[in-house]
Amino acid sequence: MSAGGYLVVLYGKLPPIVPQGSVLYAVLHMAHAIQALLLFSTVLAHLGGALGHARIFRDGVFESMASLRAGATR
């Protein structure tokens, strides 16, 4: 945010950590967007894998991960 010239307030005003610049802000903003999409796709892939084990494969992997007991086995 400091590259874009925005004031960051968290328990008071935070000092800028990078110099202000529109090119730097655009690069950092694009990097942030790409990383957010990668994180989101990782969560979706993990959810899809869990649902695949629960509904398609039915191999007990989902049940062993979803158990609330510590060290639960089949």
Protein backbone atom coordinates (compact mmCIF):
# COMPACT_ATOMS: atom_id res chain seq x y z
CA MET A 1 0.00 0.00 0.00
CA SER A 2 2.87 2.35 0.68
CA ALA A 3 4.00 2.06 -2.97
CA GLY A 4 0.62 3.42 -4.02
CA GLY A 5 0.81 6.33 -1.61
CA TYR A 6 -1.93 5.00 0.67
CA LEU A 7 -1.75 5.60 4.40
CA VAL A 8 -1.59 2.38 6.42
CA VAL A 9 -3.05 2.70 9.92
CA LEU A 10 -2.66 -0.15 12.40
CA TYR A 11 -2.44 0.97 16.01
CA GLY A 12 -1.14 4.25 14.65
CA LYS A 13 0.38 5.34 11.35
CA LEU A 14 2.87 2.86 9.88
CA PRO A 15 5.91 4.22 8.05
CA PRO A 16 6.21 3.42 4.32
CA ILE A 17 8.31 0.31 3.65
CA VAL A 18 8.94 0.96 -0.05
CA PRO A 19 9.27 4.18 -2.03
CA GLN A 20 6.14 5.54 -3.65
CA GLY A 21 5.84 4.79 -7.35
CA SER A 22 3.11 3.89 -9.79
CA VAL A 23 5.15 1.22 -11.62
CA LEU A 24 6.19 -0.46 -8.36
CA TYR A 25 2.60 -0.31 -7.13
CA ALA A 26 1.32 -1.93 -10.34
CA VAL A 27 3.90 -4.73 -10.14
CA LEU A 28 3.19 -5.41 -6.46
CA HIS A 29 -0.57 -5.26 -7.04
CA MET A 30 -0.33 -7.81 -9.87
CA ALA A 31 1.91 -10.09 -7.78
CA HIS A 32 -0.61 -9.90 -4.93
CA ALA A 33 -3.48 -10.77 -7.28
CA ILE A 34 -1.60 -13.75 -8.75
CA GLN A 35 -0.70 -15.08 -5.29
CA ALA A 36 -4.31 -14.68 -4.14
CA LEU A 37 -5.55 -16.69 -7.13
CA LEU A 38 -2.92 -19.37 -6.51
CA LEU A 39 -3.98 -19.66 -2.87
CA PHE A 40 -7.65 -19.83 -3.86
CA SER A 41 -6.99 -22.50 -6.48
CA THR A 42 -4.97 -24.51 -3.94
CA VAL A 43 -7.88 -24.41 -1.49
CA LEU A 44 -10.30 -25.48 -4.23
CA ALA A 45 -8.02 -28.32 -5.32
CA HIS A 46 -7.71 -29.52 -1.74
CA LEU A 47 -11.48 -29.37 -1.28
CA GLY A 48 -11.99 -31.23 -4.56
CA GLY A 49 -9.53 -33.92 -3.49
CA ALA A 50 -11.24 -34.33 -0.14
CA LEU A 51 -14.66 -34.60 -1.77
CA GLY A 52 -13.24 -37.04 -4.31
CA HIS A 53 -12.01 -39.31 -1.52
CA ALA A 54 -15.34 -38.96 0.31
CA ARG A 55 -17.76 -39.43 -2.60
CA ILE A 56 -15.97 -41.15 -5.50
CA PHE A 57 -13.12 -43.30 -4.17
CA ARG A 58 -14.68 -44.11 -0.78
CA ASP A 59 -11.31 -45.40 0.38
CA GLY A 60 -11.48 -44.21 3.99
CA VAL A 61 -8.99 -41.36 3.54
CA PHE A 62 -11.60 -38.66 4.12
CA GLU A 63 -13.00 -40.41 7.19
CA SER A 64 -9.55 -40.72 8.74
CA MET A 65 -8.83 -37.02 8.16
CA ALA A 66 -12.27 -35.83 9.29
CA SER A 67 -12.32 -37.78 12.54
CA LEU A 68 -12.44 -35.68 15.70
CA ARG A 69 -10.60 -38.26 17.80
CA ALA A 70 -6.82 -38.01 18.03
CA GLY A 71 -5.08 -40.96 16.40
CA ALA A 72 -8.33 -42.44 15.11
CA THR A 73 -7.99 -45.42 12.77
CA ARG A 74 -10.48 -47.52 10.89
